[in-house]
Protein backbone atom coordinates (compact mmCIF):
# COMPACT_ATOMS: atom_id res chain seq x y z
CA MET A 1 -9.39 -9.84 0.34
CA TYR A 2 -5.96 -9.64 -0.46
CA ARG A 3 -3.28 -10.75 -3.26
CA TYR A 4 -0.22 -12.22 -2.95
CA ARG A 5 2.65 -13.72 -5.20
CA LEU A 6 5.40 -16.04 -4.04
CA LYS A 7 8.76 -15.46 -6.10
CA SER A 8 12.40 -17.09 -5.90
CA ASP A 9 15.23 -17.45 -7.62
CA THR A 10 16.18 -20.70 -6.14
CA HIS A 11 12.77 -22.55 -5.74
CA ASP A 12 10.97 -23.46 -9.02
CA SER A 13 7.08 -23.61 -9.19
CA ARG A 14 6.18 -26.93 -7.55
CA ASP A 15 8.46 -26.05 -4.57
CA LEU A 16 6.36 -22.50 -4.17
CA ARG A 17 3.47 -24.25 -4.37
CA THR A 18 4.57 -26.61 -1.87
CA ILE A 19 5.63 -23.59 0.40
CA GLN A 20 2.25 -21.90 0.05
CA ASP A 21 0.10 -25.04 0.73
CA TRP A 22 2.26 -26.30 3.58
CA VAL A 23 3.71 -22.72 5.53
CA VAL A 24 2.33 -19.53 3.93
CA MET A 25 -1.06 -20.83 4.30
CA ARG A 26 -1.26 -22.14 7.62
CA GLN A 27 0.44 -19.24 8.98
CA LEU A 28 -2.47 -17.02 7.20
CA LYS A 29 -4.76 -18.78 8.42
CA LEU A 30 -4.03 -18.15 12.20
CA VAL A 31 -4.23 -14.24 11.64
CA PRO A 32 -7.34 -13.26 13.30
CA GLY A 33 -10.23 -12.24 10.72
CA VAL A 34 -9.30 -14.47 7.66
CA ALA A 35 -11.64 -16.79 6.87
CA ASP A 36 -9.74 -18.83 4.07
CA VAL A 37 -6.64 -18.80 1.43
CA VAL A 38 -7.03 -19.67 -1.52
CA SER A 39 -4.05 -21.18 -3.50
CA LEU A 40 -3.72 -20.62 -7.55
CA GLY A 41 -1.11 -21.80 -9.77
CA GLY A 42 1.96 -23.80 -9.59
CA LEU A 43 2.68 -27.46 -9.70
CA ILE A 44 1.09 -29.76 -7.12
CA LYS A 45 3.90 -32.49 -5.74
CA GLN A 46 2.27 -35.93 -6.41
CA TYR A 47 4.16 -39.21 -6.43
CA GLU A 48 2.91 -41.99 -9.10
CA VAL A 49 3.05 -45.72 -8.52
CA ASN A 50 4.20 -47.53 -11.38
CA PRO A 51 3.63 -51.53 -10.69
CA ASP A 52 5.14 -54.20 -11.94
CA LEU A 53 2.33 -56.13 -13.11
CA ALA A 54 4.63 -59.36 -13.10
CA LYS A 55 5.38 -59.49 -9.86
CA LEU A 56 1.94 -58.60 -8.76
CA ARG A 57 0.78 -61.70 -10.68
CA ASP A 58 3.59 -63.89 -8.70
CA TYR A 59 2.28 -62.78 -5.57
CA LYS A 60 -1.42 -62.97 -6.40
CA ILE A 61 -2.25 -59.32 -5.44
CA THR A 62 -4.72 -57.68 -8.07
CA LEU A 63 -4.15 -54.07 -8.27
CA GLN A 64 -7.59 -53.31 -6.51
CA GLN A 65 -5.69 -54.64 -3.63
CA LEU A 66 -2.51 -52.43 -4.65
CA ALA A 67 -4.87 -49.18 -4.79
CA SER A 68 -6.55 -50.02 -1.64
CA ALA A 69 -3.25 -50.22 0.45
CA LEU A 70 -2.11 -47.31 -1.08
CA GLN A 71 -5.42 -45.46 -0.18
CA ARG A 72 -4.99 -46.73 3.61
CA GLY A 73 -1.61 -45.92 3.79
CA ASN A 74 -2.26 -42.19 2.60
CA ALA A 75 -5.66 -41.62 4.11
CA ASN A 76 -7.09 -38.60 5.83
CA ALA A 77 -7.60 -38.72 9.10
CA GLY A 78 -10.40 -36.19 11.23
CA GLY A 79 -9.51 -35.02 14.77
CA GLY A 80 -12.57 -32.89 15.75
CA TYR A 81 -12.46 -29.66 16.24
CA THR A 82 -11.22 -26.58 18.85
CA GLU A 83 -12.74 -23.11 19.37
CA GLN A 84 -10.85 -20.20 20.14
CA GLY A 85 -13.13 -17.19 21.01
CA ARG A 86 -15.74 -17.05 18.24
CA GLN A 87 -13.63 -18.96 16.08
CA GLN A 88 -13.97 -22.58 15.27
CA TYR A 89 -10.83 -24.65 13.98
CA LEU A 90 -11.10 -28.08 12.69
CA ILE A 91 -8.32 -30.51 13.44
CA ARG A 92 -7.42 -32.90 10.49
CA GLY A 93 -4.62 -35.05 9.09
CA ILE A 94 -4.35 -34.87 5.28
CA GLY A 95 -2.60 -37.56 3.55
CA LEU A 96 0.17 -39.33 6.01
CA LEU A 97 2.92 -39.83 3.37
CA ARG A 98 5.58 -37.36 2.66
CA SER A 99 7.99 -38.83 0.64
CA ALA A 100 8.40 -41.91 -2.04
CA ASP A 101 10.65 -43.86 0.50
CA GLU A 102 7.48 -44.02 2.45
CA ILE A 103 5.16 -45.08 0.13
CA GLY A 104 7.34 -48.21 -0.41
CA THR A 105 6.88 -49.36 3.39
CA ILE A 106 3.03 -49.75 2.35
CA VAL A 107 1.53 -53.22 3.56
CA VAL A 108 -0.16 -54.39 0.14
CA ALA A 109 -1.13 -57.88 1.54
CA GLU A 110 0.34 -60.48 4.32
CA ARG A 111 0.22 -64.28 4.08
CA ASN A 112 1.15 -66.83 6.60
CA GLY A 113 2.74 -63.91 8.26
CA VAL A 114 4.63 -62.68 5.54
CA ARG A 115 4.35 -59.30 4.31
CA CYS A 116 4.28 -58.01 0.82
CA TRP A 117 5.16 -54.35 0.43
């Protein structure tokens, strides 16, 4: 077991946690003999959607339809596995959205060929 800590004078705890989860962890898992990497601490980046209920009503879209569209747009994707020696690596895509702007591109409903975002 090995413990380490990320520190920075220019990045906050959210940035450090993002670097840990998306860069450091992935690199450490490539090292032979490393079974797992567990992240602790830091703020996890997340996006919050605050719908305009009046607009949802005008477009006849329910909160459930909005929630379903967001889930579809950010779904995890399985990709099988690959073997390297005695190691087996699972391949998957975790959450497809990378920014708040991408959330705005999710189609929530379509009526008569017109898409509602």
